[in-house]
Amino acid sequence: LATTCNCDRVGRHHCPHETTRIYENSGGSCATTEYLEKYPTYGSVLPPQSLKPKEEFRAYRGKMEGITTFK
């Protein structure tokens, strides 16, 4: 029986079927666990925060003005 995917009012994708988990039963080690085994925590020092921009930040995507300095 085929299932169809849905989009909500905001346009976000929602599938009624289960997600595919490619690493669930692969038998490989978790990268985070392996990292913590090689480099244990040092006292109360936390790992650095990610420099990746937050998902909630969206750059202005409006139309640019028609002026330019290019000749």
Protein backbone atom coordinates (compact mmCIF):
# COMPACT_ATOMS: atom_id res chain seq x y z
CA LEU A 1 0.00 0.00 0.00
CA ALA A 2 1.56 3.29 -1.08
CA THR A 3 1.58 6.31 1.23
CA THR A 4 1.78 9.90 0.11
CA CYS A 5 3.81 12.68 1.68
CA ASN A 6 2.12 15.80 3.05
CA CYS A 7 3.05 19.46 3.46
CA ASP A 8 1.65 21.59 6.28
CA ARG A 9 0.41 25.18 5.97
CA VAL A 10 3.96 26.59 6.19
CA GLY A 11 5.24 24.21 3.50
CA ARG A 12 7.19 21.89 5.79
CA HIS A 13 7.36 18.31 4.62
CA HIS A 14 5.73 15.58 6.73
CA CYS A 15 5.68 11.91 5.79
CA PRO A 16 3.11 9.57 7.35
CA HIS A 17 5.53 6.63 6.99
CA GLU A 18 8.47 5.84 9.26
CA THR A 19 11.83 7.51 8.62
CA THR A 20 14.77 5.52 7.33
CA ARG A 21 17.55 5.07 9.90
CA ILE A 22 20.72 4.08 8.06
CA TYR A 23 22.95 3.93 11.15
CA GLU A 24 20.55 2.25 13.57
CA ASN A 25 21.75 -1.35 13.19
CA SER A 26 24.94 -0.85 11.19
CA GLY A 27 27.23 -2.07 13.98
CA GLY A 28 29.53 0.93 13.52
CA SER A 29 30.61 3.10 16.40
CA CYS A 30 29.05 6.47 17.10
CA ALA A 31 31.35 9.36 16.11
CA THR A 32 30.52 11.28 19.29
CA THR A 33 31.28 8.30 21.52
CA GLU A 34 34.56 7.64 19.71
CA TYR A 35 35.55 11.30 20.05
CA LEU A 36 34.81 11.29 23.79
CA GLU A 37 36.89 8.12 24.20
CA LYS A 38 39.89 9.72 22.47
CA TYR A 39 39.48 13.17 24.05
CA PRO A 40 37.83 12.98 27.48
CA THR A 41 36.26 16.07 29.03
CA TYR A 42 38.58 18.38 30.94
CA GLY A 43 37.02 19.47 34.22
CA SER A 44 34.11 21.84 33.73
CA VAL A 45 35.31 23.04 30.29
CA LEU A 46 32.59 22.57 27.69
CA PRO A 47 33.28 21.75 24.03
CA PRO A 48 33.22 24.76 21.67
CA GLN A 49 29.90 25.85 20.23
CA SER A 50 29.24 25.24 16.55
CA LEU A 51 29.99 28.13 14.20
CA LYS A 52 27.26 26.96 11.85
CA PRO A 53 24.49 29.59 11.51
CA LYS A 54 21.29 28.86 13.38
CA GLU A 55 18.37 27.51 11.38
CA GLU A 56 16.04 30.27 12.63
CA PHE A 57 18.25 32.97 11.05
CA ARG A 58 17.22 33.70 7.49
CA ALA A 59 18.98 36.26 5.34
CA TYR A 60 16.80 38.81 3.58
CA ARG A 61 15.76 37.20 0.29
CA GLY A 62 13.93 40.19 -1.19
CA LYS A 63 14.60 41.67 -4.59
CA MET A 64 17.72 43.84 -4.83
CA GLU A 65 17.67 47.37 -6.15
CA GLY A 66 18.51 47.83 -9.82
CA ILE A 67 21.60 49.99 -9.16
CA THR A 68 25.18 48.81 -9.60
CA THR A 69 28.73 50.16 -9.66
CA PHE A 70 29.73 47.75 -12.43
CA LYS A 71 30.51 49.47 -15.74
